[in-house]
Amino acid sequence: MGAGIDKAQAAKPFFAEAGQKTFGFLGASRVIPVAEWNIENQQPGMLCTYDSGALCEAIRQTKQQCDFLTVYVHWGIEREDSPQEYQRQLAKAYIDAGADLVVGAHPHVLQGIEYYKLIPAYAADAKTQEMEGEQAAELYQFMEGISFGIRIGEEGLILSGRIFQIAKQDPSLTNEQIAAQVGCEIQEVESTREMFGI
């Protein structure tokens, strides 16, 4: 996945079946140590995404064969806790092409979360490491600081994901009722519902 003896093999997805669903996975790199590793050099190498066209085409083709598509991209600057603007733009292009989730690697630090045209239920119950007190508060504050449009509640849940779940299950609930269930401000519910059109 993401590498091979030729471009066709490097762009070949991996599939897994679970719960009567097909999950597809693709991989590519925007960080390579030497140019010769790029599969475009007509030799074994890695599918690179300096030009997003090849990966976007692989995403479009793969999405037709699976229910959920995850795209892994090796990119970013090591030890930078915020993504570069090109990472955010490419991730959106991959989602527009059909990816359901884009996961970045390479920086060796957390770089946060951003929703873009995704159904956030997949992250709704995502929890950070079990911690308590000041240590937990510091971690949650850090994660919010490096994320885009994400707020993490006291229990480590991504609030917009939880709000989304509740509002989709029962659209008749008022913003006040949802805020009481989630334990957040009414404005948080209003902005989440507006963001996802629910």
N, C-alpha and C. Protein backbone atom coordinates (compact mmCIF):
# COMPACT_ATOMS: atom_id res chain seq x y z
N MET A 1 0.84 -1.17 0.00
CA MET A 1 0.00 0.00 0.00
C MET A 1 0.89 1.24 0.00
N GLY A 2 0.85 2.01 -1.09
CA GLY A 2 1.62 3.24 -1.18
C GLY A 2 3.00 3.08 -1.77
N ALA A 3 3.41 1.85 -2.06
CA ALA A 3 4.72 1.61 -2.67
C ALA A 3 4.63 0.35 -3.51
N GLY A 4 5.56 0.22 -4.46
CA GLY A 4 5.54 -0.97 -5.29
C GLY A 4 6.58 -0.92 -6.39
N ILE A 5 6.50 -1.94 -7.26
CA ILE A 5 7.47 -2.02 -8.34
C ILE A 5 7.10 -1.09 -9.49
N ASP A 6 5.83 -0.67 -9.54
CA ASP A 6 5.39 0.29 -10.55
C ASP A 6 4.23 1.11 -9.98
N LYS A 7 3.78 2.10 -10.74
CA LYS A 7 2.73 3.01 -10.26
C LYS A 7 1.43 2.28 -9.96
N ALA A 8 1.08 1.30 -10.79
CA ALA A 8 -0.16 0.55 -10.56
C ALA A 8 -0.13 -0.16 -9.21
N GLN A 9 1.00 -0.76 -8.88
CA GLN A 9 1.10 -1.46 -7.60
C GLN A 9 1.14 -0.47 -6.44
N ALA A 10 1.83 0.66 -6.61
CA ALA A 10 1.91 1.66 -5.54
C ALA A 10 0.55 2.28 -5.24
N ALA A 11 -0.30 2.39 -6.26
CA ALA A 11 -1.63 2.98 -6.07
C ALA A 11 -2.70 1.94 -5.75
N LYS A 12 -2.28 0.69 -5.60
CA LYS A 12 -3.24 -0.39 -5.33
C LYS A 12 -3.72 -0.32 -3.87
N PRO A 13 -5.02 -0.36 -3.68
CA PRO A 13 -5.55 -0.29 -2.31
C PRO A 13 -5.49 -1.64 -1.59
N PHE A 14 -5.64 -1.56 -0.29
CA PHE A 14 -5.81 -2.75 0.55
C PHE A 14 -7.27 -2.73 1.00
N PHE A 15 -7.91 -3.90 1.00
CA PHE A 15 -9.30 -3.99 1.44
C PHE A 15 -9.44 -4.94 2.61
N ALA A 16 -10.36 -4.62 3.51
CA ALA A 16 -10.68 -5.49 4.64
C ALA A 16 -12.20 -5.51 4.80
N GLU A 17 -12.72 -6.66 5.17
CA GLU A 17 -14.16 -6.83 5.40
C GLU A 17 -14.41 -6.89 6.91
N ALA A 18 -15.42 -6.17 7.36
CA ALA A 18 -15.81 -6.22 8.77
C ALA A 18 -17.26 -5.77 8.89
N GLY A 19 -18.05 -6.53 9.62
CA GLY A 19 -19.45 -6.16 9.86
C GLY A 19 -20.22 -5.92 8.58
N GLN A 20 -20.02 -6.75 7.59
CA GLN A 20 -20.70 -6.66 6.29
C GLN A 20 -20.39 -5.35 5.55
N LYS A 21 -19.27 -4.75 5.87
CA LYS A 21 -18.81 -3.54 5.20
C LYS A 21 -17.42 -3.80 4.64
N THR A 22 -17.10 -3.10 3.56
CA THR A 22 -15.76 -3.19 2.97
C THR A 22 -15.03 -1.89 3.26
N PHE A 23 -13.85 -2.03 3.85
CA PHE A 23 -13.01 -0.90 4.20
C PHE A 23 -11.81 -0.88 3.28
N GLY A 24 -11.58 0.27 2.63
CA GLY A 24 -10.46 0.42 1.73
C GLY A 24 -9.40 1.32 2.34
N PHE A 25 -8.15 1.06 2.00
CA PHE A 25 -7.02 1.84 2.51
C PHE A 25 -6.06 2.15 1.38
N LEU A 26 -5.63 3.40 1.31
CA LEU A 26 -4.63 3.85 0.35
C LEU A 26 -3.52 4.57 1.11
N GLY A 27 -2.32 4.55 0.56
CA GLY A 27 -1.21 5.26 1.18
C GLY A 27 -0.39 6.02 0.15
N ALA A 28 0.19 7.14 0.57
CA ALA A 28 1.04 7.95 -0.31
C ALA A 28 1.97 8.77 0.56
N SER A 29 2.96 9.40 -0.07
CA SER A 29 3.92 10.21 0.67
C SER A 29 4.14 11.56 0.01
N ARG A 30 4.32 12.56 0.82
CA ARG A 30 4.71 13.88 0.34
C ARG A 30 6.08 14.22 0.92
N VAL A 31 6.66 13.29 1.63
CA VAL A 31 8.00 13.48 2.20
C VAL A 31 8.81 12.24 1.84
N ILE A 32 9.80 12.42 0.99
CA ILE A 32 10.69 11.31 0.64
C ILE A 32 12.14 11.81 0.75
N PRO A 33 13.05 10.94 1.20
CA PRO A 33 14.43 11.40 1.41
C PRO A 33 15.19 11.69 0.12
N VAL A 34 14.89 10.97 -0.95
CA VAL A 34 15.57 11.21 -2.23
C VAL A 34 14.55 11.09 -3.36
N ALA A 35 14.71 11.90 -4.39
CA ALA A 35 13.75 11.94 -5.50
C ALA A 35 13.59 10.59 -6.19
N GLU A 36 14.63 9.77 -6.16
CA GLU A 36 14.56 8.47 -6.83
C GLU A 36 13.50 7.56 -6.25
N TRP A 37 13.04 7.81 -5.04
CA TRP A 37 12.01 6.98 -4.42
C TRP A 37 10.63 7.22 -5.03
N ASN A 38 10.45 8.32 -5.77
CA ASN A 38 9.17 8.64 -6.38
C ASN A 38 8.87 7.63 -7.48
N ILE A 39 7.70 7.02 -7.44
CA ILE A 39 7.32 5.99 -8.41
C ILE A 39 7.26 6.56 -9.83
N GLU A 40 7.11 7.87 -9.95
CA GLU A 40 7.05 8.50 -11.27
C GLU A 40 8.36 8.38 -12.04
N ASN A 41 9.43 7.97 -11.39
CA ASN A 41 10.73 7.83 -12.04
C ASN A 41 10.87 6.51 -12.79
N GLN A 42 9.76 5.82 -13.02
CA GLN A 42 9.76 4.56 -13.78
C GLN A 42 10.65 3.49 -13.16
N GLN A 43 10.63 3.43 -11.86
CA GLN A 43 11.37 2.39 -11.12
C GLN A 43 10.58 2.11 -9.84
N PRO A 44 10.90 1.05 -9.12
CA PRO A 44 10.19 0.79 -7.86
C PRO A 44 10.29 2.00 -6.94
N GLY A 45 9.20 2.26 -6.21
CA GLY A 45 9.21 3.42 -5.33
C GLY A 45 7.88 3.63 -4.65
N MET A 46 7.65 4.87 -4.25
CA MET A 46 6.47 5.25 -3.48
C MET A 46 5.53 6.12 -4.31
N LEU A 47 4.23 5.95 -4.06
CA LEU A 47 3.24 6.84 -4.66
C LEU A 47 3.38 8.18 -3.95
N CYS A 48 3.80 9.19 -4.67
CA CYS A 48 4.00 10.51 -4.06
C CYS A 48 2.84 11.42 -4.39
N THR A 49 2.63 12.38 -3.51
CA THR A 49 1.51 13.28 -3.69
C THR A 49 1.95 14.74 -3.72
N TYR A 50 3.13 14.98 -4.31
CA TYR A 50 3.53 16.37 -4.55
C TYR A 50 2.57 16.97 -5.57
N ASP A 51 2.12 16.15 -6.51
CA ASP A 51 1.02 16.47 -7.41
C ASP A 51 -0.11 15.54 -6.97
N SER A 52 -1.21 16.10 -6.54
CA SER A 52 -2.28 15.29 -5.94
C SER A 52 -3.08 14.47 -6.96
N GLY A 53 -2.86 14.67 -8.23
CA GLY A 53 -3.68 14.04 -9.26
C GLY A 53 -3.71 12.52 -9.19
N ALA A 54 -2.55 11.87 -9.06
CA ALA A 54 -2.50 10.40 -9.04
C ALA A 54 -3.24 9.84 -7.83
N LEU A 55 -3.04 10.44 -6.66
CA LEU A 55 -3.73 9.94 -5.47
C LEU A 55 -5.22 10.21 -5.56
N CYS A 56 -5.61 11.37 -6.04
CA CYS A 56 -7.05 11.66 -6.18
C CYS A 56 -7.72 10.67 -7.13
N GLU A 57 -7.03 10.31 -8.21
CA GLU A 57 -7.60 9.33 -9.14
C GLU A 57 -7.70 7.96 -8.47
N ALA A 58 -6.67 7.57 -7.71
CA ALA A 58 -6.72 6.29 -6.99
C ALA A 58 -7.86 6.30 -5.97
N ILE A 59 -8.10 7.44 -5.32
CA ILE A 59 -9.20 7.56 -4.35
C ILE A 59 -10.54 7.37 -5.06
N ARG A 60 -10.73 8.05 -6.19
CA ARG A 60 -12.00 7.93 -6.93
C ARG A 60 -12.26 6.48 -7.33
N GLN A 61 -11.25 5.80 -7.82
CA GLN A 61 -11.43 4.41 -8.25
C GLN A 61 -11.67 3.48 -7.07
N THR A 62 -10.94 3.69 -6.00
CA THR A 62 -11.06 2.82 -4.83
C THR A 62 -12.41 2.99 -4.14
N LYS A 63 -12.90 4.22 -4.07
CA LYS A 63 -14.16 4.49 -3.37
C LYS A 63 -15.31 3.72 -4.02
N GLN A 64 -15.22 3.43 -5.29
CA GLN A 64 -16.27 2.66 -5.97
C GLN A 64 -16.29 1.20 -5.51
N GLN A 65 -15.23 0.76 -4.83
CA GLN A 65 -15.10 -0.64 -4.43
C GLN A 65 -15.27 -0.86 -2.93
N CYS A 66 -15.54 0.20 -2.17
CA CYS A 66 -15.63 0.03 -0.71
C CYS A 66 -16.67 0.96 -0.11
N ASP A 67 -17.04 0.66 1.13
CA ASP A 67 -18.01 1.48 1.85
C ASP A 67 -17.34 2.64 2.58
N PHE A 68 -16.12 2.44 3.01
CA PHE A 68 -15.41 3.44 3.80
C PHE A 68 -13.96 3.43 3.37
N LEU A 69 -13.42 4.60 3.04
CA LEU A 69 -12.05 4.69 2.52
C LEU A 69 -11.18 5.58 3.41
N THR A 70 -10.09 5.00 3.90
CA THR A 70 -9.11 5.73 4.69
C THR A 70 -7.86 5.95 3.83
N VAL A 71 -7.38 7.18 3.83
CA VAL A 71 -6.18 7.53 3.08
C VAL A 71 -5.10 7.95 4.07
N TYR A 72 -3.98 7.25 4.05
CA TYR A 72 -2.83 7.58 4.90
C TYR A 72 -1.84 8.37 4.07
N VAL A 73 -1.38 9.51 4.60
CA VAL A 73 -0.42 10.33 3.87
C VAL A 73 0.77 10.65 4.78
N HIS A 74 1.95 10.37 4.30
CA HIS A 74 3.21 10.67 4.99
C HIS A 74 3.58 12.09 4.58
N TRP A 75 3.41 13.06 5.50
CA TRP A 75 3.62 14.46 5.14
C TRP A 75 3.88 15.30 6.38
N GLY A 76 4.11 16.58 6.18
CA GLY A 76 4.29 17.51 7.28
C GLY A 76 5.74 17.69 7.70
N ILE A 77 5.92 18.51 8.71
CA ILE A 77 7.25 18.83 9.23
C ILE A 77 7.39 18.20 10.61
N GLU A 78 8.47 17.47 10.79
CA GLU A 78 8.68 16.79 12.08
C GLU A 78 8.64 17.77 13.24
N ARG A 79 7.94 17.33 14.29
CA ARG A 79 7.82 18.01 15.57
C ARG A 79 7.05 19.34 15.51
N GLU A 80 6.38 19.60 14.40
CA GLU A 80 5.50 20.77 14.29
C GLU A 80 4.12 20.32 14.75
N ASP A 81 3.53 21.02 15.73
CA ASP A 81 2.24 20.55 16.24
C ASP A 81 1.04 21.16 15.51
N SER A 82 1.28 21.86 14.43
CA SER A 82 0.20 22.34 13.57
C SER A 82 0.51 21.92 12.14
N PRO A 83 -0.50 21.48 11.41
CA PRO A 83 -0.25 21.08 10.01
C PRO A 83 0.07 22.30 9.15
N GLN A 84 0.81 22.05 8.08
CA GLN A 84 1.07 23.09 7.10
C GLN A 84 -0.22 23.31 6.30
N GLU A 85 -0.36 24.48 5.72
CA GLU A 85 -1.57 24.78 4.95
C GLU A 85 -1.75 23.79 3.80
N TYR A 86 -0.65 23.36 3.17
CA TYR A 86 -0.80 22.41 2.06
C TYR A 86 -1.41 21.09 2.54
N GLN A 87 -1.12 20.68 3.79
CA GLN A 87 -1.71 19.45 4.31
C GLN A 87 -3.23 19.59 4.40
N ARG A 88 -3.69 20.71 4.90
CA ARG A 88 -5.13 20.94 5.04
C ARG A 88 -5.79 20.99 3.67
N GLN A 89 -5.17 21.66 2.70
CA GLN A 89 -5.75 21.76 1.37
C GLN A 89 -5.78 20.41 0.66
N LEU A 90 -4.67 19.65 0.76
CA LEU A 90 -4.65 18.33 0.13
C LEU A 90 -5.65 17.39 0.78
N ALA A 91 -5.76 17.43 2.10
CA ALA A 91 -6.73 16.58 2.79
C ALA A 91 -8.14 16.86 2.27
N LYS A 92 -8.47 18.12 2.07
CA LYS A 92 -9.79 18.48 1.54
C LYS A 92 -9.96 17.96 0.11
N ALA A 93 -8.89 18.04 -0.69
CA ALA A 93 -8.96 17.50 -2.06
C ALA A 93 -9.19 16.00 -2.04
N TYR A 94 -8.56 15.30 -1.10
CA TYR A 94 -8.73 13.84 -1.01
C TYR A 94 -10.15 13.50 -0.57
N ILE A 95 -10.71 14.29 0.32
CA ILE A 95 -12.09 14.07 0.76
C ILE A 95 -13.04 14.36 -0.40
N ASP A 96 -12.79 15.43 -1.13
CA ASP A 96 -13.62 15.74 -2.30
C ASP A 96 -13.55 14.61 -3.33
N ALA A 97 -12.41 13.93 -3.41
CA ALA A 97 -12.25 12.82 -4.36
C ALA A 97 -12.94 11.54 -3.88
N GLY A 98 -13.28 11.46 -2.58
CA GLY A 98 -14.00 10.29 -2.07
C GLY A 98 -13.49 9.70 -0.78
N ALA A 99 -12.40 10.22 -0.22
CA ALA A 99 -11.90 9.69 1.05
C ALA A 99 -12.88 10.00 2.17
N ASP A 100 -13.07 9.04 3.08
CA ASP A 100 -13.91 9.26 4.25
C ASP A 100 -13.10 9.70 5.46
N LEU A 101 -11.82 9.41 5.43
CA LEU A 101 -10.93 9.77 6.52
C LEU A 101 -9.53 9.92 5.96
N VAL A 102 -8.86 11.01 6.35
CA VAL A 102 -7.47 11.23 5.96
C VAL A 102 -6.64 11.25 7.23
N VAL A 103 -5.63 10.38 7.28
CA VAL A 103 -4.77 10.27 8.45
C VAL A 103 -3.36 10.64 8.01
N GLY A 104 -2.79 11.63 8.67
CA GLY A 104 -1.44 12.05 8.35
C GLY A 104 -0.42 11.43 9.28
N ALA A 105 0.78 11.25 8.76
CA ALA A 105 1.89 10.71 9.55
C ALA A 105 3.16 11.46 9.16
N HIS A 106 4.16 11.36 9.95
CA HIS A 106 5.51 11.88 9.74
C HIS A 106 5.96 12.86 10.82
N PRO A 107 5.12 13.79 11.29
CA PRO A 107 5.61 14.77 12.25
C PRO A 107 6.02 14.20 13.61
N HIS A 108 5.53 13.02 13.98
CA HIS A 108 5.85 12.40 15.28
C HIS A 108 5.27 13.16 16.46
N VAL A 109 4.29 14.02 16.20
CA VAL A 109 3.55 14.71 17.25
C VAL A 109 2.10 14.80 16.81
N LEU A 110 1.19 15.04 17.75
CA LEU A 110 -0.22 15.22 17.40
C LEU A 110 -0.38 16.55 16.66
N GLN A 111 -1.17 16.53 15.59
CA GLN A 111 -1.42 17.77 14.85
C GLN A 111 -2.90 18.13 14.82
N GLY A 112 -3.71 17.50 15.60
CA GLY A 112 -5.11 17.90 15.71
C GLY A 112 -6.04 17.24 14.71
N ILE A 113 -7.27 17.71 14.73
CA ILE A 113 -8.38 17.13 13.96
C ILE A 113 -9.11 18.28 13.28
N GLU A 114 -9.63 18.00 12.10
CA GLU A 114 -10.50 18.97 11.43
C GLU A 114 -11.58 18.19 10.69
N TYR A 115 -12.82 18.65 10.79
CA TYR A 115 -13.91 18.06 10.03
C TYR A 115 -14.06 18.81 8.72
N TYR A 116 -14.28 18.07 7.65
CA TYR A 116 -14.57 18.67 6.35
C TYR A 116 -15.42 17.68 5.57
N LYS A 117 -16.69 17.96 5.44
CA LYS A 117 -17.62 17.12 4.70
C LYS A 117 -17.68 15.68 5.21
N LEU A 118 -17.23 15.44 6.40
CA LEU A 118 -17.26 14.06 6.92
C LEU A 118 -18.41 13.89 7.89
N ILE A 119 -18.95 12.69 7.93
CA ILE A 119 -19.91 12.35 8.98
C ILE A 119 -19.08 12.11 10.22
N PRO A 120 -19.22 12.93 11.23
CA PRO A 120 -18.31 12.85 12.36
C PRO A 120 -18.58 11.71 13.33
N ALA A 121 -19.55 10.87 13.05
CA ALA A 121 -19.85 9.77 13.98
C ALA A 121 -18.64 8.87 14.19
N TYR A 122 -17.76 8.79 13.23
CA TYR A 122 -16.58 7.94 13.37
C TYR A 122 -15.66 8.43 14.47
N ALA A 123 -15.73 9.72 14.80
CA ALA A 123 -14.89 10.26 15.86
C ALA A 123 -15.70 10.58 17.11
N ALA A 124 -16.98 10.29 17.08
CA ALA A 124 -17.86 10.73 18.15
C ALA A 124 -17.45 10.18 19.51
N ASP A 125 -17.02 8.95 19.58
CA ASP A 125 -16.65 8.38 20.86
C ASP A 125 -15.14 8.23 21.01
N ALA A 126 -14.38 8.96 20.18
CA ALA A 126 -12.93 8.90 20.29
C ALA A 126 -12.51 9.53 21.60
N LYS A 127 -11.71 8.83 22.37
CA LYS A 127 -11.26 9.34 23.65
C LYS A 127 -9.76 9.49 23.64
N THR A 128 -9.30 10.47 24.36
CA THR A 128 -7.87 10.60 24.58
C THR A 128 -7.48 9.63 25.68
N GLN A 129 -6.23 9.59 26.01
CA GLN A 129 -5.73 8.69 27.06
C GLN A 129 -6.43 8.98 28.38
N GLU A 130 -6.69 7.93 29.16
CA GLU A 130 -7.35 8.10 30.46
C GLU A 130 -6.44 8.91 31.39
N MET A 131 -6.91 10.06 31.78
CA MET A 131 -6.18 10.92 32.70
C MET A 131 -7.18 11.60 33.60
N GLU A 132 -6.69 12.21 34.65
CA GLU A 132 -7.56 12.93 35.57
C GLU A 132 -6.96 14.27 35.93
N GLY A 133 -7.82 15.14 36.43
CA GLY A 133 -7.38 16.40 36.98
C GLY A 133 -6.66 17.32 36.01
N GLU A 134 -5.63 17.98 36.54
CA GLU A 134 -4.90 18.99 35.77
C GLU A 134 -4.22 18.40 34.54
N GLN A 135 -3.70 17.18 34.67
CA GLN A 135 -3.04 16.53 33.53
C GLN A 135 -4.02 16.35 32.37
N ALA A 136 -5.24 15.91 32.66
CA ALA A 136 -6.26 15.73 31.62
C ALA A 136 -6.65 17.07 31.03
N ALA A 137 -6.86 18.07 31.87
CA ALA A 137 -7.25 19.39 31.39
C ALA A 137 -6.19 19.97 30.45
N GLU A 138 -4.92 19.79 30.78
CA GLU A 138 -3.84 20.29 29.93
C GLU A 138 -3.82 19.59 28.58
N LEU A 139 -4.02 18.27 28.58
CA LEU A 139 -4.04 17.53 27.32
C LEU A 139 -5.22 17.96 26.46
N TYR A 140 -6.40 18.07 27.04
CA TYR A 140 -7.58 18.46 26.28
C TYR A 140 -7.41 19.87 25.70
N GLN A 141 -6.85 20.78 26.50
CA GLN A 141 -6.61 22.14 26.04
C GLN A 141 -5.61 22.14 24.88
N PHE A 142 -4.57 21.32 24.98
CA PHE A 142 -3.57 21.21 23.91
C PHE A 142 -4.23 20.69 22.63
N MET A 143 -5.03 19.62 22.73
CA MET A 143 -5.69 19.05 21.56
C MET A 143 -6.63 20.05 20.90
N GLU A 144 -7.37 20.81 21.71
CA GLU A 144 -8.24 21.84 21.14
C GLU A 144 -7.42 22.89 20.42
N GLY A 145 -6.28 23.25 20.99
CA GLY A 145 -5.43 24.29 20.42
C GLY A 145 -4.84 23.93 19.07
N ILE A 146 -4.60 22.64 18.83
CA ILE A 146 -4.00 22.23 17.56
C ILE A 146 -5.04 21.71 16.57
N SER A 147 -6.31 21.70 16.98
CA SER A 147 -7.37 21.22 16.10
C SER A 147 -8.11 22.39 15.48
N PHE A 148 -8.90 22.10 14.46
CA PHE A 148 -9.63 23.13 13.74
C PHE A 148 -11.12 22.90 13.92
N GLY A 149 -11.78 23.79 14.69
CA GLY A 149 -13.22 23.67 14.89
C GLY A 149 -13.61 22.52 15.80
N ILE A 150 -12.71 22.05 16.64
CA ILE A 150 -12.97 20.90 17.52
C ILE A 150 -12.86 21.35 18.97
N ARG A 151 -13.82 20.91 19.79
CA ARG A 151 -13.73 21.16 21.22
C ARG A 151 -13.88 19.83 21.93
N ILE A 152 -13.03 19.60 22.90
CA ILE A 152 -13.01 18.33 23.64
C ILE A 152 -13.58 18.57 25.02
N GLY A 153 -14.57 17.76 25.40
CA GLY A 153 -15.23 17.91 26.69
C GLY A 153 -14.40 17.35 27.83
N GLU A 154 -14.91 17.51 29.04
CA GLU A 154 -14.19 17.10 30.24
C GLU A 154 -13.91 15.60 30.29
N GLU A 155 -14.74 14.80 29.62
CA GLU A 155 -14.53 13.35 29.62
C GLU A 155 -13.64 12.89 28.47
N GLY A 156 -13.11 13.83 27.69
CA GLY A 156 -12.23 13.47 26.59
C GLY A 156 -12.95 13.18 25.30
N LEU A 157 -14.26 13.44 25.23
CA LEU A 157 -15.03 13.21 24.01
C LEU A 157 -15.01 14.44 23.13
N ILE A 158 -14.95 14.23 21.83
CA ILE A 158 -15.05 15.33 20.89
C ILE A 158 -16.51 15.77 20.89
N LEU A 159 -16.77 16.98 21.39
CA LEU A 159 -18.15 17.41 21.62
C LEU A 159 -18.98 17.47 20.35
N SER A 160 -18.40 17.98 19.25
CA SER A 160 -19.21 18.09 18.04
C SER A 160 -19.66 16.71 17.55
N GLY A 161 -18.85 15.69 17.75
CA GLY A 161 -19.24 14.33 17.37
C GLY A 161 -20.39 13.83 18.21
N ARG A 162 -20.34 14.07 19.50
CA ARG A 162 -21.42 13.63 20.41
C ARG A 162 -22.70 14.39 20.10
N ILE A 163 -22.59 15.70 19.87
CA ILE A 163 -23.76 16.51 19.52
C ILE A 163 -24.38 15.99 18.23
N PHE A 164 -23.53 15.70 17.25
CA PHE A 164 -24.00 15.19 15.97
C PHE A 164 -24.79 13.90 16.16
N GLN A 165 -24.23 12.97 16.95
CA GLN A 165 -24.90 11.69 17.19
C GLN A 165 -26.30 11.89 17.76
N ILE A 166 -26.39 12.70 18.80
CA ILE A 166 -27.66 12.90 19.49
C ILE A 166 -28.66 13.59 18.57
N ALA A 167 -28.22 14.63 17.84
CA ALA A 167 -29.13 15.37 16.95
C ALA A 167 -29.62 14.50 15.80
N LYS A 168 -28.76 13.62 15.28
CA LYS A 168 -29.18 12.74 14.18
C LYS A 168 -30.14 11.67 14.68
N GLN A 169 -29.94 11.16 15.90
CA GLN A 169 -30.82 10.13 16.45
C GLN A 169 -32.22 10.68 16.72
N ASP A 170 -32.28 11.93 17.20
CA ASP A 170 -33.58 12.52 17.51
C ASP A 170 -33.58 13.99 17.11
N PRO A 171 -33.90 14.28 15.84
CA PRO A 171 -33.88 15.66 15.35
C PRO A 171 -34.87 16.58 16.05
N SER A 172 -35.84 16.01 16.78
CA SER A 172 -36.85 16.84 17.44
C SER A 172 -36.31 17.49 18.72
N LEU A 173 -35.15 17.04 19.20
CA LEU A 173 -34.60 17.63 20.42
C LEU A 173 -34.20 19.08 20.19
N THR A 174 -34.43 19.90 21.20
CA THR A 174 -34.03 21.31 21.11
C THR A 174 -32.54 21.43 21.42
N ASN A 175 -31.98 22.57 21.07
CA ASN A 175 -30.57 22.82 21.39
C ASN A 175 -30.32 22.75 22.89
N GLU A 176 -31.29 23.22 23.67
CA GLU A 176 -31.16 23.19 25.13
C GLU A 176 -31.11 21.75 25.64
N GLN A 177 -31.96 20.89 25.09
CA GLN A 177 -32.00 19.49 25.52
C GLN A 177 -30.68 18.77 25.17
N ILE A 178 -30.18 19.05 23.98
CA ILE A 178 -28.92 18.41 23.58
C ILE A 178 -27.77 18.92 24.45
N ALA A 179 -27.74 20.22 24.70
CA ALA A 179 -26.68 20.80 25.55
C ALA A 179 -26.70 20.17 26.94
N ALA A 180 -27.90 19.93 27.48
CA ALA A 180 -28.01 19.30 28.80
C ALA A 180 -27.48 17.87 28.77
N GLN A 181 -27.77 17.12 27.69
CA GLN A 181 -27.28 15.74 27.58
C GLN A 181 -25.77 15.67 27.44
N VAL A 182 -25.22 16.57 26.63
CA VAL A 182 -23.78 16.54 26.36
C VAL A 182 -22.99 17.20 27.48
N GLY A 183 -23.62 18.17 28.13
CA GLY A 183 -22.92 18.92 29.17
C GLY A 183 -22.08 20.04 28.59
N CYS A 184 -22.68 20.78 27.64
CA CYS A 184 -21.95 21.87 27.01
C CYS A 184 -22.85 23.09 26.91
N GLU A 185 -22.30 24.17 26.40
CA GLU A 185 -23.07 25.40 26.21
C GLU A 185 -24.00 25.26 25.00
N ILE A 186 -25.10 25.98 25.03
CA ILE A 186 -26.07 25.95 23.94
C ILE A 186 -25.42 26.42 22.64
N GLN A 187 -24.52 27.41 22.72
CA GLN A 187 -23.84 27.92 21.53
C GLN A 187 -23.04 26.82 20.83
N GLU A 188 -22.48 25.89 21.62
CA GLU A 188 -21.72 24.77 21.06
C GLU A 188 -22.64 23.89 20.20
N VAL A 189 -23.86 23.66 20.70
CA VAL A 189 -24.84 22.87 19.95
C VAL A 189 -25.26 23.61 18.69
N GLU A 190 -25.53 24.90 18.82
CA GLU A 190 -25.95 25.69 17.66
C GLU A 190 -24.88 25.68 16.57
N SER A 191 -23.62 25.90 16.93
CA SER A 191 -22.56 25.96 15.92
C SER A 191 -22.33 24.59 15.28
N THR A 192 -22.45 23.52 16.08
CA THR A 192 -22.28 22.17 15.53
C THR A 192 -23.41 21.83 14.57
N ARG A 193 -24.63 22.14 14.95
CA ARG A 193 -25.77 21.85 14.07
C ARG A 193 -25.65 22.66 12.77
N GLU A 194 -25.20 23.88 12.90
CA GLU A 194 -25.02 24.71 11.69
C GLU A 194 -23.90 24.14 10.80
N MET A 195 -22.80 23.74 11.43
CA MET A 195 -21.66 23.19 10.67
C MET A 195 -22.06 21.97 9.86
N PHE A 196 -22.90 21.07 10.44
CA PHE A 196 -23.26 19.83 9.78
C PHE A 196 -24.66 19.86 9.16
N GLY A 197 -25.34 21.02 9.26
CA GLY A 197 -26.65 21.12 8.63
C GLY A 197 -27.70 20.22 9.23
N ILE A 198 -27.69 20.08 10.56
CA ILE A 198 -28.68 19.20 11.22
C ILE A 198 -29.51 19.98 12.22
